[in-house]
Amino acid sequence: MNQTYTISTYILHRLQEIGVKHLFGVPGDYNLDFLDDVIESPIQWVGNCNELNAGYAADGYARLNGVGAAVVTYGGGGLSIINAVAGAFA
């Protein structure tokens, strides 16, 4: 058994355990390595046009399925998703 267990595979494993079957987001320069692991995992990648859309999609998914998740790059991507996260929290 020579398989590497990385932070990416741990996160994806834990997301699967809590019931996430779809992952919403926008590819960015700082999350491309993680997205390679997402493509290889059973979790289905759902690409969005922008981070705000990914946040709203994850919110709607969570309302139907109990939990949702989104992946964005830090900086502008993180700032763009804040309104959707705040709306989900409210």
N, C-alpha and C. Protein backbone atom coordinates (compact mmCIF):
# COMPACT_ATOMS: atom_id res chain seq x y z
N MET A 1 0.85 -1.18 0.00
CA MET A 1 0.00 0.00 0.00
C MET A 1 0.89 1.24 0.00
N ASN A 2 1.04 1.84 -1.14
CA ASN A 2 1.93 2.98 -1.30
C ASN A 2 1.15 4.20 -1.79
N GLN A 3 -0.10 4.30 -1.41
CA GLN A 3 -0.93 5.42 -1.85
C GLN A 3 -0.76 6.59 -0.89
N THR A 4 -0.60 7.78 -1.45
CA THR A 4 -0.44 8.98 -0.65
C THR A 4 -1.81 9.52 -0.26
N TYR A 5 -1.96 9.80 1.02
CA TYR A 5 -3.20 10.38 1.54
C TYR A 5 -2.94 11.85 1.81
N THR A 6 -3.41 12.72 0.93
CA THR A 6 -3.13 14.14 1.02
C THR A 6 -4.27 14.88 1.70
N ILE A 7 -4.07 16.14 1.94
CA ILE A 7 -5.13 16.97 2.51
C ILE A 7 -6.33 17.00 1.57
N SER A 8 -6.08 17.06 0.27
CA SER A 8 -7.17 17.06 -0.70
C SER A 8 -8.00 15.79 -0.60
N THR A 9 -7.35 14.64 -0.55
CA THR A 9 -8.10 13.39 -0.47
C THR A 9 -8.82 13.27 0.87
N TYR A 10 -8.24 13.80 1.93
CA TYR A 10 -8.91 13.79 3.24
C TYR A 10 -10.18 14.64 3.19
N ILE A 11 -10.08 15.85 2.64
CA ILE A 11 -11.25 16.73 2.55
C ILE A 11 -12.35 16.08 1.72
N LEU A 12 -11.98 15.51 0.59
CA LEU A 12 -12.98 14.88 -0.26
C LEU A 12 -13.60 13.66 0.42
N HIS A 13 -12.79 12.91 1.15
CA HIS A 13 -13.32 11.77 1.89
C HIS A 13 -14.32 12.22 2.95
N ARG A 14 -13.99 13.26 3.68
CA ARG A 14 -14.89 13.77 4.72
C ARG A 14 -16.17 14.35 4.10
N LEU A 15 -16.06 15.05 2.96
CA LEU A 15 -17.25 15.57 2.29
C LEU A 15 -18.18 14.42 1.88
N GLN A 16 -17.60 13.33 1.38
CA GLN A 16 -18.40 12.17 1.03
C GLN A 16 -19.10 11.60 2.25
N GLU A 17 -18.41 11.55 3.37
CA GLU A 17 -18.99 10.99 4.59
C GLU A 17 -20.21 11.76 5.07
N ILE A 18 -20.21 13.08 4.86
CA ILE A 18 -21.35 13.87 5.32
C ILE A 18 -22.45 13.98 4.27
N GLY A 19 -22.22 13.37 3.10
CA GLY A 19 -23.29 13.29 2.10
C GLY A 19 -23.18 14.21 0.91
N VAL A 20 -22.05 14.86 0.72
CA VAL A 20 -21.88 15.72 -0.45
C VAL A 20 -21.64 14.86 -1.67
N LYS A 21 -22.49 15.01 -2.69
CA LYS A 21 -22.32 14.27 -3.93
C LYS A 21 -21.93 15.17 -5.08
N HIS A 22 -22.11 16.48 -4.90
CA HIS A 22 -21.77 17.47 -5.93
C HIS A 22 -20.99 18.60 -5.28
N LEU A 23 -20.02 19.11 -5.99
CA LEU A 23 -19.18 20.19 -5.50
C LEU A 23 -19.24 21.33 -6.50
N PHE A 24 -19.69 22.48 -6.08
CA PHE A 24 -19.88 23.63 -6.95
C PHE A 24 -18.67 24.56 -6.85
N GLY A 25 -18.33 25.21 -7.95
CA GLY A 25 -17.21 26.13 -7.85
C GLY A 25 -16.72 26.67 -9.17
N VAL A 26 -15.61 27.40 -9.04
CA VAL A 26 -14.96 28.04 -10.17
C VAL A 26 -13.48 27.67 -10.13
N PRO A 27 -12.94 27.14 -11.23
CA PRO A 27 -11.50 26.84 -11.23
C PRO A 27 -10.69 28.13 -11.11
N GLY A 28 -9.63 28.04 -10.37
CA GLY A 28 -8.73 29.18 -10.20
C GLY A 28 -7.30 28.69 -10.08
N ASP A 29 -6.38 29.59 -10.20
CA ASP A 29 -4.97 29.19 -10.22
C ASP A 29 -4.52 28.52 -8.93
N TYR A 30 -5.14 28.82 -7.80
CA TYR A 30 -4.71 28.25 -6.53
C TYR A 30 -5.50 27.01 -6.11
N ASN A 31 -6.50 26.60 -6.87
CA ASN A 31 -7.24 25.39 -6.50
C ASN A 31 -7.20 24.32 -7.59
N LEU A 32 -6.37 24.48 -8.60
CA LEU A 32 -6.35 23.52 -9.70
C LEU A 32 -5.86 22.14 -9.27
N ASP A 33 -4.88 22.08 -8.38
CA ASP A 33 -4.41 20.77 -7.90
C ASP A 33 -5.52 20.05 -7.14
N PHE A 34 -6.26 20.79 -6.32
CA PHE A 34 -7.39 20.21 -5.61
C PHE A 34 -8.45 19.72 -6.58
N LEU A 35 -8.72 20.49 -7.62
CA LEU A 35 -9.76 20.10 -8.59
C LEU A 35 -9.37 18.85 -9.36
N ASP A 36 -8.08 18.62 -9.56
CA ASP A 36 -7.64 17.35 -10.17
C ASP A 36 -8.08 16.18 -9.30
N ASP A 37 -7.96 16.33 -7.98
CA ASP A 37 -8.41 15.28 -7.08
C ASP A 37 -9.93 15.16 -7.05
N VAL A 38 -10.63 16.26 -7.21
CA VAL A 38 -12.09 16.23 -7.26
C VAL A 38 -12.56 15.41 -8.47
N ILE A 39 -11.92 15.63 -9.61
CA ILE A 39 -12.30 14.91 -10.83
C ILE A 39 -12.11 13.41 -10.66
N GLU A 40 -11.09 13.00 -9.91
CA GLU A 40 -10.82 11.57 -9.70
C GLU A 40 -11.69 10.96 -8.60
N SER A 41 -12.39 11.79 -7.83
CA SER A 41 -13.20 11.29 -6.72
C SER A 41 -14.62 10.99 -7.20
N PRO A 42 -15.41 10.30 -6.38
CA PRO A 42 -16.82 10.05 -6.73
C PRO A 42 -17.69 11.32 -6.68
N ILE A 43 -17.21 12.37 -6.06
CA ILE A 43 -17.97 13.61 -6.00
C ILE A 43 -17.95 14.27 -7.37
N GLN A 44 -19.13 14.67 -7.83
CA GLN A 44 -19.25 15.26 -9.17
C GLN A 44 -18.97 16.75 -9.11
N TRP A 45 -18.11 17.23 -10.00
CA TRP A 45 -17.77 18.65 -10.11
C TRP A 45 -18.83 19.36 -10.93
N VAL A 46 -19.33 20.47 -10.42
CA VAL A 46 -20.30 21.30 -11.14
C VAL A 46 -19.68 22.68 -11.27
N GLY A 47 -19.18 22.99 -12.45
CA GLY A 47 -18.56 24.28 -12.70
C GLY A 47 -19.59 25.39 -12.82
N ASN A 48 -19.23 26.57 -12.34
CA ASN A 48 -20.12 27.72 -12.39
C ASN A 48 -19.44 28.87 -13.09
N CYS A 49 -20.23 29.85 -13.53
CA CYS A 49 -19.69 31.01 -14.24
C CYS A 49 -18.90 31.93 -13.33
N ASN A 50 -19.33 32.06 -12.09
CA ASN A 50 -18.61 32.90 -11.13
C ASN A 50 -18.85 32.39 -9.72
N GLU A 51 -18.12 32.96 -8.78
CA GLU A 51 -18.15 32.48 -7.41
C GLU A 51 -19.49 32.70 -6.73
N LEU A 52 -20.14 33.82 -7.03
CA LEU A 52 -21.45 34.10 -6.44
C LEU A 52 -22.46 33.03 -6.86
N ASN A 53 -22.43 32.65 -8.14
CA ASN A 53 -23.32 31.58 -8.60
C ASN A 53 -23.02 30.26 -7.91
N ALA A 54 -21.74 29.96 -7.70
CA ALA A 54 -21.36 28.73 -7.02
C ALA A 54 -21.90 28.72 -5.59
N GLY A 55 -21.82 29.86 -4.92
CA GLY A 55 -22.34 29.96 -3.56
C GLY A 55 -23.84 29.75 -3.50
N TYR A 56 -24.56 30.37 -4.42
CA TYR A 56 -26.01 30.20 -4.43
C TYR A 56 -26.40 28.77 -4.80
N ALA A 57 -25.65 28.16 -5.72
CA ALA A 57 -25.92 26.77 -6.10
C ALA A 57 -25.69 25.84 -4.92
N ALA A 58 -24.59 26.05 -4.18
CA ALA A 58 -24.31 25.22 -3.01
C ALA A 58 -25.37 25.44 -1.93
N ASP A 59 -25.86 26.66 -1.79
CA ASP A 59 -26.92 26.95 -0.82
C ASP A 59 -28.20 26.21 -1.19
N GLY A 60 -28.60 26.29 -2.43
CA GLY A 60 -29.80 25.58 -2.87
C GLY A 60 -29.66 24.07 -2.73
N TYR A 61 -28.48 23.57 -3.05
CA TYR A 61 -28.20 22.14 -2.90
C TYR A 61 -28.32 21.73 -1.44
N ALA A 62 -27.79 22.55 -0.55
CA ALA A 62 -27.84 22.24 0.88
C ALA A 62 -29.26 22.27 1.40
N ARG A 63 -30.08 23.17 0.89
CA ARG A 63 -31.47 23.24 1.34
C ARG A 63 -32.25 21.98 0.95
N LEU A 64 -31.84 21.36 -0.16
CA LEU A 64 -32.51 20.13 -0.60
C LEU A 64 -31.90 18.87 -0.01
N ASN A 65 -30.58 18.89 0.24
CA ASN A 65 -29.87 17.67 0.62
C ASN A 65 -29.26 17.71 2.02
N GLY A 66 -29.36 18.81 2.71
CA GLY A 66 -28.83 18.89 4.07
C GLY A 66 -27.46 19.50 4.18
N VAL A 67 -26.64 19.40 3.16
CA VAL A 67 -25.30 19.98 3.18
C VAL A 67 -24.86 20.27 1.75
N GLY A 68 -24.13 21.35 1.57
CA GLY A 68 -23.59 21.71 0.27
C GLY A 68 -22.18 22.23 0.42
N ALA A 69 -21.44 22.26 -0.68
CA ALA A 69 -20.05 22.71 -0.62
C ALA A 69 -19.69 23.44 -1.90
N ALA A 70 -18.83 24.43 -1.76
CA ALA A 70 -18.35 25.20 -2.90
C ALA A 70 -16.84 25.35 -2.80
N VAL A 71 -16.20 25.45 -3.96
CA VAL A 71 -14.74 25.63 -4.04
C VAL A 71 -14.47 26.87 -4.88
N VAL A 72 -13.74 27.81 -4.28
CA VAL A 72 -13.30 29.00 -5.00
C VAL A 72 -11.86 29.28 -4.62
N THR A 73 -11.21 30.11 -5.38
CA THR A 73 -9.85 30.49 -5.06
C THR A 73 -9.87 31.62 -4.04
N TYR A 74 -8.79 31.78 -3.33
CA TYR A 74 -8.78 32.82 -2.30
C TYR A 74 -8.59 34.19 -2.95
N GLY A 75 -8.82 35.23 -2.18
CA GLY A 75 -8.73 36.60 -2.71
C GLY A 75 -10.07 37.01 -3.29
N GLY A 76 -10.06 37.34 -4.56
CA GLY A 76 -11.28 37.80 -5.23
C GLY A 76 -12.39 36.77 -5.22
N GLY A 77 -12.03 35.50 -5.38
CA GLY A 77 -13.03 34.44 -5.36
C GLY A 77 -13.70 34.32 -4.00
N GLY A 78 -12.91 34.39 -2.95
CA GLY A 78 -13.46 34.31 -1.60
C GLY A 78 -14.34 35.50 -1.28
N LEU A 79 -13.93 36.66 -1.72
CA LEU A 79 -14.74 37.86 -1.48
C LEU A 79 -16.04 37.82 -2.26
N SER A 80 -16.00 37.26 -3.46
CA SER A 80 -17.19 37.22 -4.29
C SER A 80 -18.26 36.27 -3.75
N ILE A 81 -17.85 35.23 -3.07
CA ILE A 81 -18.83 34.24 -2.56
C ILE A 81 -19.43 34.66 -1.22
N ILE A 82 -18.91 35.69 -0.61
CA ILE A 82 -19.35 36.09 0.75
C ILE A 82 -20.85 36.39 0.80
N ASN A 83 -21.38 37.07 -0.19
CA ASN A 83 -22.82 37.40 -0.16
C ASN A 83 -23.69 36.14 -0.17
N ALA A 84 -23.29 35.14 -0.95
CA ALA A 84 -24.07 33.89 -0.98
C ALA A 84 -23.94 33.17 0.36
N VAL A 85 -22.77 33.16 0.96
CA VAL A 85 -22.59 32.51 2.26
C VAL A 85 -23.40 33.24 3.33
N ALA A 86 -23.38 34.56 3.32
CA ALA A 86 -24.16 35.33 4.29
C ALA A 86 -25.66 35.08 4.09
N GLY A 87 -26.11 35.00 2.86
CA GLY A 87 -27.51 34.71 2.60
C GLY A 87 -27.90 33.33 3.08
N ALA A 88 -27.02 32.35 2.91
CA ALA A 88 -27.28 31.00 3.40
C ALA A 88 -27.34 30.98 4.91
N PHE A 89 -26.48 31.74 5.54
CA PHE A 89 -26.45 31.80 7.00
C PHE A 89 -27.70 32.46 7.56
N ALA A 90 -28.17 33.49 6.88
CA ALA A 90 -29.35 34.22 7.33
C ALA A 90 -30.59 33.36 7.23
